[in-house]
Amino acid sequence: MAPPGCRAAVDVGSAFTHVCLMEEEGGRTYTARVPSTPCHPGRAVLAGLAEAARRAGLGGAVPGQVVLGHTLAAAALLEGPR
């Protein structure tokens, strides 16, 4: 379990998934950037959360709140078929 007030923001992009983990008390932030997995975006989200938690010294803890955004659909429309 994460410490009280620990939150995460996740941005899933076509190439990379970025995670920012923030401790509300003290405002310390920890970030992670992992390769995206377009066929299974959740895998990159979990990998990014695990890496940010490791950097924060939280081990296998998970944040109490996660805010997720993604640009996969926009990128697909802009880039067209590959």
N, C-alpha and C. Protein backbone atom coordinates (compact mmCIF):
# COMPACT_ATOMS: atom_id res chain seq x y z
N MET A 1 0.84 -1.18 0.00
CA MET A 1 0.00 0.00 0.00
C MET A 1 0.89 1.24 0.00
N ALA A 2 0.50 2.24 -0.74
CA ALA A 2 1.25 3.48 -0.83
C ALA A 2 0.96 4.35 0.40
N PRO A 3 1.87 5.28 0.67
CA PRO A 3 1.61 6.19 1.78
C PRO A 3 0.37 7.03 1.49
N PRO A 4 -0.33 7.52 2.54
CA PRO A 4 -1.50 8.35 2.30
C PRO A 4 -1.14 9.57 1.45
N GLY A 5 -2.02 9.90 0.50
CA GLY A 5 -1.79 11.09 -0.30
C GLY A 5 -0.83 10.89 -1.45
N CYS A 6 -0.55 9.67 -1.82
CA CYS A 6 0.33 9.40 -2.95
C CYS A 6 -0.53 9.26 -4.20
N ARG A 7 -0.21 10.05 -5.24
CA ARG A 7 -0.99 10.03 -6.48
C ARG A 7 -0.07 9.80 -7.67
N ALA A 8 -0.65 9.37 -8.77
CA ALA A 8 0.12 9.17 -10.00
C ALA A 8 -0.63 9.76 -11.18
N ALA A 9 0.13 10.31 -12.12
CA ALA A 9 -0.40 10.77 -13.39
C ALA A 9 0.31 9.98 -14.48
N VAL A 10 -0.44 9.48 -15.44
CA VAL A 10 0.13 8.64 -16.49
C VAL A 10 -0.30 9.18 -17.85
N ASP A 11 0.66 9.30 -18.75
CA ASP A 11 0.38 9.69 -20.14
C ASP A 11 0.87 8.57 -21.04
N VAL A 12 -0.06 7.93 -21.74
CA VAL A 12 0.29 6.85 -22.65
C VAL A 12 0.39 7.43 -24.05
N GLY A 13 1.60 7.44 -24.60
CA GLY A 13 1.81 7.92 -25.95
C GLY A 13 2.09 6.77 -26.90
N SER A 14 2.26 7.08 -28.16
CA SER A 14 2.49 6.01 -29.13
C SER A 14 3.88 5.41 -29.00
N ALA A 15 4.86 6.17 -28.52
CA ALA A 15 6.22 5.64 -28.37
C ALA A 15 6.60 5.39 -26.91
N PHE A 16 6.21 6.29 -26.02
CA PHE A 16 6.58 6.16 -24.61
C PHE A 16 5.39 6.41 -23.71
N THR A 17 5.44 5.81 -22.53
CA THR A 17 4.47 6.04 -21.47
C THR A 17 5.22 6.74 -20.34
N HIS A 18 4.69 7.89 -19.92
CA HIS A 18 5.31 8.68 -18.87
C HIS A 18 4.47 8.61 -17.61
N VAL A 19 5.15 8.47 -16.47
CA VAL A 19 4.47 8.39 -15.18
C VAL A 19 5.11 9.40 -14.24
N CYS A 20 4.27 10.10 -13.50
CA CYS A 20 4.73 11.00 -12.45
C CYS A 20 4.02 10.61 -11.17
N LEU A 21 4.78 10.23 -10.17
CA LEU A 21 4.24 9.85 -8.87
C LEU A 21 4.52 11.00 -7.92
N MET A 22 3.50 11.46 -7.19
CA MET A 22 3.66 12.60 -6.30
C MET A 22 3.19 12.27 -4.89
N GLU A 23 4.02 12.64 -3.93
CA GLU A 23 3.62 12.56 -2.53
C GLU A 23 2.98 13.90 -2.20
N GLU A 24 1.71 13.88 -1.80
CA GLU A 24 1.04 15.15 -1.49
C GLU A 24 1.71 15.87 -0.33
N GLU A 25 2.12 15.12 0.67
CA GLU A 25 2.80 15.73 1.81
C GLU A 25 4.26 15.94 1.42
N GLY A 26 4.66 17.17 1.28
CA GLY A 26 6.03 17.48 0.88
C GLY A 26 6.18 17.73 -0.60
N GLY A 27 5.27 17.23 -1.42
CA GLY A 27 5.29 17.50 -2.86
C GLY A 27 6.40 16.85 -3.65
N ARG A 28 7.09 15.87 -3.10
CA ARG A 28 8.16 15.21 -3.85
C ARG A 28 7.57 14.45 -5.02
N THR A 29 8.26 14.49 -6.15
CA THR A 29 7.80 13.78 -7.34
C THR A 29 8.87 12.81 -7.82
N TYR A 30 8.41 11.75 -8.44
CA TYR A 30 9.27 10.72 -9.01
C TYR A 30 8.70 10.40 -10.39
N THR A 31 9.56 10.33 -11.37
CA THR A 31 9.08 10.09 -12.73
C THR A 31 9.68 8.82 -13.31
N ALA A 32 9.00 8.32 -14.33
CA ALA A 32 9.48 7.16 -15.08
C ALA A 32 9.02 7.30 -16.52
N ARG A 33 9.84 6.83 -17.42
CA ARG A 33 9.51 6.80 -18.85
C ARG A 33 9.83 5.40 -19.35
N VAL A 34 8.81 4.73 -19.86
CA VAL A 34 8.99 3.36 -20.34
C VAL A 34 8.44 3.27 -21.76
N PRO A 35 8.92 2.31 -22.55
CA PRO A 35 8.37 2.14 -23.90
C PRO A 35 6.88 1.79 -23.84
N SER A 36 6.09 2.37 -24.70
CA SER A 36 4.67 2.04 -24.78
C SER A 36 4.50 0.67 -25.43
N THR A 37 3.39 0.05 -25.12
CA THR A 37 3.03 -1.24 -25.71
C THR A 37 1.66 -1.05 -26.36
N PRO A 38 1.64 -0.54 -27.63
CA PRO A 38 0.38 -0.16 -28.27
C PRO A 38 -0.70 -1.24 -28.29
N CYS A 39 -0.33 -2.49 -28.43
CA CYS A 39 -1.34 -3.55 -28.46
C CYS A 39 -1.93 -3.82 -27.08
N HIS A 40 -1.17 -3.50 -26.03
CA HIS A 40 -1.60 -3.72 -24.64
C HIS A 40 -1.13 -2.54 -23.79
N PRO A 41 -1.77 -1.36 -23.91
CA PRO A 41 -1.30 -0.17 -23.20
C PRO A 41 -1.19 -0.35 -21.68
N GLY A 42 -2.02 -1.19 -21.12
CA GLY A 42 -1.97 -1.42 -19.68
C GLY A 42 -0.65 -1.96 -19.19
N ARG A 43 0.03 -2.72 -20.02
CA ARG A 43 1.34 -3.27 -19.62
C ARG A 43 2.34 -2.16 -19.37
N ALA A 44 2.36 -1.16 -20.25
CA ALA A 44 3.28 -0.03 -20.08
C ALA A 44 2.89 0.81 -18.88
N VAL A 45 1.59 0.96 -18.64
CA VAL A 45 1.13 1.71 -17.46
C VAL A 45 1.63 1.03 -16.20
N LEU A 46 1.45 -0.27 -16.10
CA LEU A 46 1.91 -1.01 -14.91
C LEU A 46 3.42 -0.96 -14.76
N ALA A 47 4.15 -1.07 -15.88
CA ALA A 47 5.61 -1.00 -15.82
C ALA A 47 6.07 0.37 -15.37
N GLY A 48 5.42 1.42 -15.88
CA GLY A 48 5.78 2.78 -15.48
C GLY A 48 5.47 3.06 -14.03
N LEU A 49 4.32 2.59 -13.56
CA LEU A 49 3.97 2.76 -12.15
C LEU A 49 4.96 2.03 -11.25
N ALA A 50 5.34 0.82 -11.64
CA ALA A 50 6.30 0.04 -10.86
C ALA A 50 7.66 0.74 -10.80
N GLU A 51 8.10 1.30 -11.92
CA GLU A 51 9.39 1.98 -11.96
C GLU A 51 9.36 3.25 -11.11
N ALA A 52 8.29 4.03 -11.20
CA ALA A 52 8.18 5.25 -10.40
C ALA A 52 8.13 4.90 -8.91
N ALA A 53 7.40 3.85 -8.55
CA ALA A 53 7.33 3.42 -7.15
C ALA A 53 8.69 2.94 -6.66
N ARG A 54 9.44 2.25 -7.52
CA ARG A 54 10.78 1.80 -7.15
C ARG A 54 11.67 3.00 -6.87
N ARG A 55 11.61 4.01 -7.74
CA ARG A 55 12.43 5.22 -7.55
C ARG A 55 12.05 5.98 -6.29
N ALA A 56 10.78 5.89 -5.91
CA ALA A 56 10.30 6.56 -4.71
C ALA A 56 10.59 5.76 -3.45
N GLY A 57 11.11 4.54 -3.62
CA GLY A 57 11.39 3.69 -2.48
C GLY A 57 10.15 3.05 -1.89
N LEU A 58 9.11 2.91 -2.71
CA LEU A 58 7.85 2.34 -2.24
C LEU A 58 7.73 0.85 -2.52
N GLY A 59 8.74 0.26 -3.12
CA GLY A 59 8.69 -1.16 -3.43
C GLY A 59 7.52 -1.49 -4.34
N GLY A 60 6.68 -2.42 -3.94
CA GLY A 60 5.54 -2.83 -4.76
C GLY A 60 4.28 -2.06 -4.45
N ALA A 61 4.40 -0.92 -3.77
CA ALA A 61 3.22 -0.14 -3.40
C ALA A 61 2.56 0.47 -4.63
N VAL A 62 1.30 0.74 -4.50
CA VAL A 62 0.56 1.39 -5.58
C VAL A 62 -0.03 2.69 -5.06
N PRO A 63 -0.16 3.70 -5.93
CA PRO A 63 -0.73 4.97 -5.49
C PRO A 63 -2.23 4.84 -5.17
N GLY A 64 -2.71 5.72 -4.33
CA GLY A 64 -4.12 5.72 -3.97
C GLY A 64 -5.01 6.24 -5.08
N GLN A 65 -4.44 7.05 -5.98
CA GLN A 65 -5.21 7.62 -7.08
C GLN A 65 -4.32 7.67 -8.32
N VAL A 66 -4.89 7.32 -9.47
CA VAL A 66 -4.17 7.37 -10.74
C VAL A 66 -5.02 8.16 -11.73
N VAL A 67 -4.39 9.15 -12.37
CA VAL A 67 -5.05 9.92 -13.43
C VAL A 67 -4.38 9.51 -14.73
N LEU A 68 -5.19 9.11 -15.72
CA LEU A 68 -4.66 8.56 -16.96
C LEU A 68 -5.09 9.41 -18.15
N GLY A 69 -4.14 9.66 -19.03
CA GLY A 69 -4.44 10.33 -20.29
C GLY A 69 -3.70 9.57 -21.38
N HIS A 70 -4.17 9.71 -22.61
CA HIS A 70 -3.45 9.03 -23.68
C HIS A 70 -3.61 9.78 -24.99
N THR A 71 -2.66 9.58 -25.86
CA THR A 71 -2.69 10.20 -27.18
C THR A 71 -2.70 9.14 -28.27
N LEU A 72 -3.01 7.90 -27.92
CA LEU A 72 -2.96 6.82 -28.91
C LEU A 72 -3.94 7.04 -30.06
N ALA A 73 -5.17 7.41 -29.75
CA ALA A 73 -6.16 7.60 -30.81
C ALA A 73 -5.80 8.79 -31.69
N ALA A 74 -5.37 9.90 -31.07
CA ALA A 74 -4.98 11.08 -31.85
C ALA A 74 -3.79 10.76 -32.74
N ALA A 75 -2.82 10.04 -32.22
CA ALA A 75 -1.65 9.69 -33.01
C ALA A 75 -2.04 8.80 -34.19
N ALA A 76 -2.94 7.86 -33.96
CA ALA A 76 -3.38 6.97 -35.03
C ALA A 76 -4.07 7.76 -36.15
N LEU A 77 -4.88 8.72 -35.78
CA LEU A 77 -5.57 9.54 -36.77
C LEU A 77 -4.58 10.43 -37.55
N LEU A 78 -3.63 11.02 -36.84
CA LEU A 78 -2.67 11.91 -37.48
C LEU A 78 -1.66 11.17 -38.35
N GLU A 79 -1.21 10.01 -37.88
CA GLU A 79 -0.18 9.26 -38.59
C GLU A 79 -0.74 8.38 -39.69
N GLY A 80 -1.98 7.96 -39.55
CA GLY A 80 -2.57 7.08 -40.54
C GLY A 80 -2.05 5.67 -40.41
N PRO A 81 -2.39 4.80 -41.35
CA PRO A 81 -1.94 3.40 -41.27
C PRO A 81 -0.44 3.30 -41.41
N ARG A 82 0.11 2.32 -40.74
CA ARG A 82 1.57 2.11 -40.81
C ARG A 82 1.89 1.04 -41.78
